[in-house]
Amino acid sequence: MVIVGAGEAGCRAAVALREKDYEGTVTLINGERHMPYERPPLSKGSPGRAATTIITEAELAALRIDHLSSTTAAAIDRSSREVALQDGRRVPYEKLLLATGASPRSLTGVAAHDRIMTVRTLDDADRFHGRIRPGIRVAMVGAGFIGLELAAVARQQDADVIVIEAQPRILMRGVPSCIGEVLAARHSEAGVVIETGSVILGIHAGDEAATIELAGSKAVKADLVVVGIGATPNTELAHACGLACHDGIQVDLNLQTGDANIFAAGDCCSFPAALFGDRRIRIESWRSAREQGEHAAIAMLGSREPFVNVPWFWSDQYELGLQVVGLTRNDGTSIVRTMNDGAVIVFQLAPDGTMVFAGGIARGTSIARDIKIAEAMIRNRVSPDPVCLADADIKLKTLLAPKVAMS
């Protein structure tokens, strides 16, 4: 078994193969020089190396997983079932898992410069944290999860921070507006300047500073520009060997590509969402990557059990914790529940009344249990009473169907 990519999906698949008593060779191809590490902590604070490590060299050795680091897969020969590495080696496979992840999008027409960066890898995070200091002018381009988390981190270290977003509000994708408003207010309270509806015409970086030109004859000067405008799936390897790719490597409910011997998992793949009408989606999520990696392992061993999951995301900014579960719909009905402590949860029901989404924000993890209950409702296609959903005095657990147990 060969796994290309040593992120959450790839590592979980490698370990799961051993947990399922697979005795053959397991090879993990890692394009980075570091041991496999967790990505979520990179944007949530200054990460220590030990805190971000997924698995150690000793643990890999104990599991008899061959770890090939600092080398990448250059090509896949499907006829001979071999992966060609950039260093010239060829690795044969019986089954192959592509867990190649995603790469940050860059701004079109902006030249590379030391003052302009993205944060995706451990080296990126080290560089970012090494640059942040009191008084440095930081411009975050993009108000998604990554951009806002980095903005909070920089502001908490007394940097001067501005967030520039092209959309009308922050967290436009997949987060209800009332939750975005709470978070925007918290950033403003912390001293972060948020410019929404701002179109960037160009960025020019020099020895003294970078200048961001905005529509309307406005300009922003910054010592450091961090671009966080999403990521694109790494499909080059799959596409080059003839596998179907569209917003990711296309897989079926078994995470299998059009080649019966090749599977894909994690940020790089798009798959049918079984609980959401088989709508094809691509999820950039730590938990989804982990779940897909584990499922891919059993699929590589012959299981035909379909992959069924409820997408879940979280973000920590300042003292606030944001969690979302499920997928929003354009034709859904939203119900807002506001708690006495200021926490807010927004539920969304499909036209047939079943819950499909819940998202909330609160201090710390106080909404975690309610989000977990909402996840159970989504998984079990529960149709809760909208009036009861909105009433914070009614415990959410009482709205679960009588025979539905939380996992």
Protein backbone atom coordinates (compact mmCIF):
# COMPACT_ATOMS: atom_id res chain seq x y z
CA MET A 1 0.00 0.00 0.00
CA VAL A 2 1.37 3.39 -1.00
CA ILE A 3 0.11 6.72 0.33
CA VAL A 4 1.11 10.00 -1.31
CA GLY A 5 0.81 12.80 1.24
CA ALA A 6 1.60 12.78 4.96
CA GLY A 7 -1.03 15.13 6.30
CA GLU A 8 -3.98 14.15 8.47
CA ALA A 9 -5.65 11.96 5.82
CA GLY A 10 -2.48 10.19 4.71
CA CYS A 11 -1.18 9.49 8.21
CA ARG A 12 -4.54 8.31 9.48
CA ALA A 13 -4.84 5.93 6.52
CA ALA A 14 -1.37 4.50 7.13
CA VAL A 15 -2.06 3.85 10.81
CA ALA A 16 -5.55 2.49 10.10
CA LEU A 17 -4.11 -0.10 7.71
CA ARG A 18 -2.08 -1.52 10.59
CA GLU A 19 -5.03 -1.26 12.97
CA LYS A 20 -7.00 -3.37 10.48
CA ASP A 21 -4.23 -6.01 10.64
CA TYR A 22 -2.81 -5.40 7.18
CA GLU A 23 0.59 -7.11 7.16
CA GLY A 24 1.97 -5.97 3.81
CA THR A 25 4.24 -3.02 3.07
CA VAL A 26 2.89 0.45 3.86
CA THR A 27 4.79 3.37 2.34
CA LEU A 28 4.07 7.00 3.28
CA ILE A 29 5.48 9.59 0.88
CA ASN A 30 6.03 12.95 2.58
CA GLY A 31 7.00 15.92 0.43
CA GLU A 32 8.15 17.97 3.42
CA ARG A 33 11.31 17.71 5.49
CA HIS A 34 9.35 17.77 8.75
CA MET A 35 7.68 14.86 10.45
CA PRO A 36 3.93 14.80 9.72
CA TYR A 37 2.19 17.61 11.60
CA GLU A 38 -1.26 19.04 12.33
CA ARG A 39 -2.21 22.11 10.30
CA PRO A 40 -5.01 23.68 12.43
CA PRO A 41 -2.63 24.97 15.17
CA LEU A 42 -0.53 26.83 12.60
CA SER A 43 -3.02 29.70 12.34
CA LYS A 44 -4.29 29.63 15.91
CA GLY A 45 -1.18 30.71 17.81
CA SER A 46 2.55 30.18 17.93
CA PRO A 47 2.87 26.42 17.48
CA GLY A 48 5.45 24.29 19.24
CA ARG A 49 6.84 21.48 17.11
CA ALA A 50 5.80 18.76 19.57
CA ALA A 51 2.26 20.12 19.79
CA THR A 52 1.72 19.88 16.03
CA THR A 53 3.27 16.45 15.39
CA ILE A 54 0.82 13.80 14.15
CA ILE A 55 3.15 10.84 14.49
CA THR A 56 6.81 10.42 15.42
CA GLU A 57 9.54 8.54 13.60
CA ALA A 58 9.61 5.98 16.41
CA GLU A 59 5.86 5.41 16.14
CA LEU A 60 6.11 4.97 12.38
CA ALA A 61 8.93 2.47 12.84
CA ALA A 62 6.95 0.54 15.44
CA LEU A 63 4.06 0.27 12.98
CA ARG A 64 6.43 -0.76 10.18
CA ILE A 65 5.40 2.20 8.03
CA ASP A 66 8.10 3.20 5.54
CA HIS A 67 8.36 7.00 5.74
CA LEU A 68 9.92 8.67 2.70
CA SER A 69 10.39 12.34 3.57
CA SER A 70 11.70 15.32 1.58
CA THR A 71 10.63 13.74 -1.69
CA THR A 72 7.52 14.09 -3.79
CA ALA A 73 5.68 11.90 -6.25
CA ALA A 74 6.42 13.03 -9.80
CA ALA A 75 4.18 10.66 -11.76
CA ILE A 76 1.90 7.65 -11.52
CA ASP A 77 2.28 4.77 -13.98
CA ARG A 78 -1.11 3.09 -13.81
CA SER A 79 -0.17 0.27 -16.19
CA SER A 80 2.81 -0.90 -14.13
CA ARG A 81 1.27 0.29 -10.84
CA GLU A 82 4.27 2.37 -9.82
CA VAL A 83 4.79 5.83 -8.37
CA ALA A 84 7.82 7.66 -9.75
CA LEU A 85 9.50 9.92 -7.20
CA GLN A 86 11.34 13.15 -7.98
CA ASP A 87 14.58 11.61 -6.75
CA GLY A 88 14.35 8.90 -9.42
CA ARG A 89 13.09 6.04 -7.27
CA ARG A 90 10.04 4.05 -8.31
CA VAL A 91 7.65 2.68 -5.68
CA PRO A 92 5.34 -0.19 -6.69
CA TYR A 93 1.83 -0.30 -5.30
CA GLU A 94 -1.03 -2.75 -4.97
CA LYS A 95 -3.40 0.02 -3.92
CA LEU A 96 -2.57 3.74 -3.98
CA LEU A 97 -4.04 6.54 -1.87
CA LEU A 98 -3.69 10.14 -3.02
CA ALA A 99 -3.81 12.44 0.00
CA THR A 100 -2.05 15.33 -1.68
CA GLY A 101 -3.92 18.13 0.10
CA ALA A 102 -4.39 21.63 -1.24
CA SER A 103 -2.27 24.71 -1.91
CA PRO A 104 -3.09 28.32 -1.03
CA ARG A 105 -4.44 30.51 -3.79
CA SER A 106 -2.29 33.46 -4.79
CA LEU A 107 -3.34 36.87 -6.05
CA THR A 108 -3.20 37.16 -9.82
CA GLY A 109 -0.60 39.58 -11.11
CA VAL A 110 1.16 40.08 -7.78
CA ALA A 111 4.91 39.46 -7.90
CA ALA A 112 6.54 37.31 -5.25
CA HIS A 113 8.20 39.30 -2.48
CA ASP A 114 9.43 38.72 1.06
CA ARG A 115 6.70 41.05 2.37
CA ILE A 116 3.91 38.97 0.78
CA MET A 117 3.16 35.46 2.04
CA THR A 118 0.61 32.72 2.62
CA VAL A 119 0.38 30.43 5.65
CA ARG A 120 -0.15 26.77 4.85
CA THR A 121 2.93 24.86 5.99
CA LEU A 122 4.93 24.67 9.20
CA ASP A 123 7.70 26.70 7.57
CA ASP A 124 5.13 29.34 6.58
CA ALA A 125 3.83 29.50 10.16
CA ASP A 126 7.34 29.80 11.60
CA ARG A 127 8.04 32.65 9.20
CA PHE A 128 4.77 34.42 10.07
CA HIS A 129 5.20 34.12 13.84
CA GLY A 130 8.82 35.20 13.51
CA ARG A 131 7.77 38.42 11.79
CA ILE A 132 4.98 39.46 14.18
CA ARG A 133 5.97 42.05 16.78
CA PRO A 134 4.36 45.10 18.42
CA GLY A 135 3.68 47.87 15.94
CA ILE A 136 4.25 45.90 12.74
CA ARG A 137 1.64 46.73 10.11
CA VAL A 138 -0.07 43.53 8.95
CA ALA A 139 -2.59 43.40 6.11
CA MET A 140 -4.65 40.22 5.90
CA VAL A 141 -6.13 39.69 2.44
CA GLY A 142 -9.23 37.54 2.91
CA ALA A 143 -11.66 37.23 5.81
CA GLY A 144 -12.11 33.48 5.93
CA PHE A 145 -11.16 31.26 8.86
CA ILE A 146 -7.40 31.38 8.22
CA GLY A 147 -7.23 35.13 7.66
CA LEU A 148 -9.28 35.95 10.74
CA GLU A 149 -7.40 33.52 12.98
CA LEU A 150 -4.08 35.01 11.90
CA ALA A 151 -5.48 38.51 12.38
CA ALA A 152 -6.44 37.64 15.96
CA VAL A 153 -3.01 36.14 16.64
CA ALA A 154 -1.21 39.20 15.25
CA ARG A 155 -3.43 41.66 17.12
CA GLN A 156 -2.90 39.82 20.40
CA GLN A 157 0.81 40.49 19.90
CA ASP A 158 0.08 44.22 19.44
CA ALA A 159 0.51 44.30 15.68
CA ASP A 160 -1.51 46.87 13.73
CA VAL A 161 -3.90 44.73 11.69
CA ILE A 162 -6.22 45.44 8.79
CA VAL A 163 -8.34 42.76 7.11
CA ILE A 164 -9.27 43.35 3.47
CA GLU A 165 -12.19 41.32 2.11
CA ALA A 166 -13.79 41.50 -1.34
CA GLN A 167 -17.13 40.08 -0.16
CA PRO A 168 -19.80 42.20 1.61
CA ARG A 169 -19.04 40.57 4.97
CA ILE A 170 -16.55 38.30 6.70
CA LEU A 171 -16.93 34.50 6.58
CA MET A 172 -19.25 34.74 3.60
CA ARG A 173 -18.89 31.07 2.78
CA GLY A 174 -20.85 28.68 5.00
CA VAL A 175 -21.27 30.85 8.11
CA PRO A 176 -24.56 32.66 8.92
CA SER A 177 -24.39 36.45 8.85
CA CYS A 178 -25.36 36.92 12.51
CA ILE A 179 -22.38 34.80 13.59
CA GLY A 180 -20.12 36.75 11.27
CA GLU A 181 -21.39 39.97 12.85
CA VAL A 182 -20.49 38.77 16.36
CA LEU A 183 -16.98 37.90 15.23
CA ALA A 184 -16.54 41.12 13.27
CA ALA A 185 -17.55 43.11 16.35
CA ARG A 186 -15.01 41.23 18.47
CA HIS A 187 -12.22 41.94 15.99
CA SER A 188 -13.18 45.61 15.91
CA GLU A 189 -13.19 45.71 19.71
CA ALA A 190 -9.65 44.28 19.64
CA GLY A 191 -8.55 47.05 17.29
CA VAL A 192 -8.57 45.17 13.98
CA VAL A 193 -9.72 47.28 11.03
CA ILE A 194 -12.01 45.31 8.69
CA GLU A 195 -12.56 46.57 5.15
CA THR A 196 -15.27 44.55 3.37
CA GLY A 197 -16.40 45.03 -0.22
CA SER A 198 -12.84 46.07 -1.07
CA VAL A 199 -11.44 45.24 -4.49
CA ILE A 200 -7.65 44.99 -4.72
CA LEU A 201 -6.24 46.53 -7.88
CA GLY A 202 -2.64 45.68 -7.16
CA ILE A 203 0.04 45.12 -4.54
CA HIS A 204 3.48 46.65 -4.88
CA ALA A 205 6.14 45.61 -2.38
CA GLY A 206 9.44 47.37 -1.82
CA ASP A 207 12.25 47.64 0.69
CA GLU A 208 10.31 49.96 3.02
CA ALA A 209 6.76 48.59 2.80
CA ALA A 210 4.08 47.03 0.63
CA THR A 211 1.31 49.18 -0.84
CA ILE A 212 -2.10 47.66 -1.51
CA GLU A 213 -4.08 49.65 -4.06
CA LEU A 214 -7.85 49.41 -3.59
CA ALA A 215 -10.69 50.50 -5.85
CA GLY A 216 -11.89 54.00 -5.02
CA SER A 217 -8.38 55.48 -5.00
CA LYS A 218 -7.63 54.06 -1.56
CA ALA A 219 -4.28 52.59 -0.57
CA VAL A 220 -3.08 50.58 2.42
CA LYS A 221 0.56 50.39 3.49
CA ALA A 222 1.79 47.31 5.32
CA ASP A 223 5.03 45.78 6.50
CA LEU A 224 3.62 42.30 5.91
CA VAL A 225 0.82 41.15 3.60
CA VAL A 226 -0.70 37.74 4.34
CA VAL A 227 -2.93 36.30 1.62
CA GLY A 228 -5.69 33.97 2.79
CA ILE A 229 -8.16 33.64 -0.09
CA GLY A 230 -8.74 29.91 -0.05
CA ALA A 231 -6.95 26.89 -1.44
CA THR A 232 -6.96 24.82 -4.60
CA PRO A 233 -6.76 21.01 -4.49
CA ASN A 234 -3.49 19.44 -5.55
CA THR A 235 -4.73 17.40 -8.50
CA GLU A 236 -1.73 17.62 -10.84
CA LEU A 237 -0.55 14.08 -10.16
CA ALA A 238 -4.02 12.60 -10.65
CA HIS A 239 -4.80 14.66 -13.73
CA ALA A 240 -1.52 13.74 -15.40
CA CYS A 241 -2.30 10.02 -15.16
CA GLY A 242 -5.81 10.43 -16.55
CA LEU A 243 -7.98 10.44 -13.43
CA ALA A 244 -11.11 12.60 -13.45
CA CYS A 245 -10.62 15.92 -11.66
CA HIS A 246 -13.03 18.78 -11.11
CA ASP A 247 -12.60 20.87 -7.98
CA GLY A 248 -10.58 17.97 -6.67
CA ILE A 249 -9.85 14.38 -7.57
CA GLN A 250 -13.27 12.86 -8.18
CA VAL A 251 -14.07 9.80 -6.08
CA ASP A 252 -17.21 7.77 -5.43
CA LEU A 253 -18.91 6.96 -2.12
CA ASN A 254 -16.10 4.48 -1.46
CA LEU A 255 -13.44 7.20 -2.01
CA GLN A 256 -12.35 5.28 -5.10
CA THR A 257 -11.31 7.03 -8.32
CA GLY A 258 -12.09 5.77 -11.81
CA ASP A 259 -9.13 3.42 -11.35
CA ALA A 260 -10.08 0.56 -9.02
CA ASN A 261 -6.57 0.58 -7.53
CA ILE A 262 -6.40 4.30 -6.72
CA PHE A 263 -8.23 6.14 -3.94
CA ALA A 264 -8.18 9.75 -2.74
CA ALA A 265 -8.89 11.40 0.61
CA GLY A 266 -8.70 14.76 2.33
CA ASP A 267 -8.55 18.28 0.92
CA CYS A 268 -7.58 17.02 -2.55
CA CYS A 269 -10.77 15.09 -3.36
CA SER A 270 -14.40 15.79 -4.16
CA PHE A 271 -16.96 13.20 -3.14
CA PRO A 272 -20.74 12.65 -3.05
CA ALA A 273 -22.14 13.79 0.32
CA ALA A 274 -24.41 10.87 1.20
CA LEU A 275 -26.43 12.77 3.81
CA PHE A 276 -26.98 15.74 1.52
CA GLY A 277 -28.51 14.21 -1.59
CA ASP A 278 -25.15 12.98 -2.92
CA ARG A 279 -24.24 16.59 -3.64
CA ARG A 280 -20.59 16.58 -4.73
CA ILE A 281 -18.44 18.54 -2.32
CA ARG A 282 -14.82 19.10 -1.37
CA ILE A 283 -14.16 19.72 2.31
CA GLU A 284 -11.08 21.39 3.80
CA SER A 285 -11.47 20.17 7.35
CA TRP A 286 -9.21 18.45 9.85
CA ARG A 287 -11.89 16.02 10.97
CA SER A 288 -13.12 15.20 7.47
CA ALA A 289 -9.54 14.50 6.38
CA ARG A 290 -9.06 12.19 9.34
CA GLU A 291 -12.35 10.37 8.73
CA GLN A 292 -11.67 10.03 5.01
CA GLY A 293 -8.18 8.70 5.64
CA GLU A 294 -9.53 6.00 7.92
CA HIS A 295 -12.32 5.12 5.49
CA ALA A 296 -9.90 4.99 2.55
CA ALA A 297 -7.81 2.44 4.45
CA ILE A 298 -10.71 0.01 4.84
CA ALA A 299 -11.74 0.65 1.23
CA MET A 300 -8.22 -0.22 0.06
CA LEU A 301 -8.60 -3.47 1.97
CA GLY A 302 -11.78 -4.33 0.08
CA SER A 303 -14.65 -2.81 2.06
CA ARG A 304 -17.54 -1.46 0.00
CA GLU A 305 -19.10 0.48 2.88
CA PRO A 306 -19.97 4.01 1.67
CA PHE A 307 -18.34 7.03 3.27
CA VAL A 308 -20.95 8.93 5.28
CA ASN A 309 -19.99 11.94 7.38
CA VAL A 310 -21.29 15.25 8.66
CA PRO A 311 -18.77 18.02 7.90
CA TRP A 312 -17.57 19.86 11.01
CA PHE A 313 -15.32 22.90 11.36
CA TRP A 314 -14.13 24.99 14.24
CA SER A 315 -12.23 28.22 14.76
CA ASP A 316 -10.77 29.82 17.88
CA GLN A 317 -10.38 33.61 17.85
CA TYR A 318 -9.61 35.54 21.03
CA GLU A 319 -11.79 33.96 23.74
CA LEU A 320 -14.46 32.96 21.22
CA GLY A 321 -15.06 29.50 19.81
CA LEU A 322 -16.94 29.07 16.54
CA GLN A 323 -18.27 25.70 15.39
CA VAL A 324 -20.28 24.73 12.31
CA VAL A 325 -21.65 21.33 11.37
CA GLY A 326 -23.42 20.18 8.21
CA LEU A 327 -23.93 22.08 4.97
CA THR A 328 -26.05 25.13 4.24
CA ARG A 329 -28.63 25.23 1.44
CA ASN A 330 -29.97 28.12 -0.59
CA ASP A 331 -33.56 26.98 0.03
CA GLY A 332 -33.15 26.29 3.75
CA THR A 333 -35.00 27.94 6.63
CA SER A 334 -32.83 29.46 9.36
CA ILE A 335 -33.73 29.47 13.06
CA VAL A 336 -31.69 31.48 15.57
CA ARG A 337 -31.28 30.43 19.21
CA THR A 338 -29.76 33.05 21.53
CA MET A 339 -28.62 31.94 24.96
CA ASN A 340 -28.55 33.96 28.18
CA ASP A 341 -24.73 34.03 28.15
CA GLY A 342 -24.69 35.65 24.71
CA ALA A 343 -23.96 32.46 22.78
CA VAL A 344 -25.73 32.21 19.42
CA ILE A 345 -26.58 29.09 17.41
CA VAL A 346 -28.16 29.18 13.96
CA PHE A 347 -29.90 26.05 12.69
CA GLN A 348 -30.98 25.44 9.13
CA LEU A 349 -33.80 23.14 8.06
CA ALA A 350 -34.29 21.75 4.56
CA PRO A 351 -37.68 22.26 2.85
CA ASP A 352 -38.77 18.84 4.17
CA GLY A 353 -38.02 19.97 7.74
CA THR A 354 -34.88 17.90 8.36
CA MET A 355 -31.92 19.63 9.94
CA VAL A 356 -28.98 20.10 7.58
CA PHE A 357 -26.79 22.68 9.33
CA ALA A 358 -25.96 24.27 12.67
CA GLY A 359 -23.41 26.95 13.44
CA GLY A 360 -22.67 28.75 16.66
CA ILE A 361 -20.35 31.11 18.47
CA ALA A 362 -19.70 31.50 22.19
CA ARG A 363 -17.00 32.01 24.77
CA GLY A 364 -14.75 28.96 24.90
CA THR A 365 -16.44 25.66 24.13
CA SER A 366 -19.81 26.32 25.77
CA ILE A 367 -21.76 25.43 22.60
CA ALA A 368 -19.84 22.23 21.89
CA ARG A 369 -22.49 19.91 23.35
CA ASP A 370 -25.35 21.57 21.46
CA ILE A 371 -23.37 21.38 18.21
CA LYS A 372 -22.78 17.68 18.90
CA ILE A 373 -26.52 17.18 19.40
CA ALA A 374 -27.21 19.07 16.17
CA GLU A 375 -24.76 16.77 14.40
CA ALA A 376 -26.74 13.76 15.64
CA MET A 377 -29.92 15.37 14.31
CA ILE A 378 -28.33 15.90 10.90
CA ARG A 379 -26.92 12.38 10.76
CA ASN A 380 -30.26 10.84 11.71
CA ARG A 381 -32.37 13.18 9.54
CA VAL A 382 -34.34 14.53 12.48
CA SER A 383 -37.07 17.13 11.82
CA PRO A 384 -37.19 19.25 15.01
CA ASP A 385 -39.94 21.74 15.82
CA PRO A 386 -38.69 25.18 14.64
CA VAL A 387 -40.37 26.96 17.55
CA CYS A 388 -38.63 24.69 20.04
CA LEU A 389 -35.31 25.14 18.24
CA ALA A 390 -35.51 28.88 18.76
CA ASP A 391 -36.37 28.58 22.47
CA ALA A 392 -33.17 28.56 24.52
CA ASP A 393 -35.12 27.36 27.57
CA ILE A 394 -35.84 24.05 25.83
CA LYS A 395 -32.90 21.66 26.02
CA LEU A 396 -31.79 20.70 22.53
CA LYS A 397 -31.38 17.07 23.53
CA THR A 398 -35.14 16.76 24.10
CA LEU A 399 -35.69 17.44 20.39
CA LEU A 400 -33.79 14.34 19.33
CA ALA A 401 -35.99 11.51 18.10
CA PRO A 402 -36.72 9.10 20.99
CA LYS A 403 -34.53 6.29 19.69
CA VAL A 404 -31.64 8.42 18.44
CA ALA A 405 -28.55 8.12 20.63
CA MET A 406 -25.61 10.49 20.40
CA SER A 407 -22.38 8.87 19.30
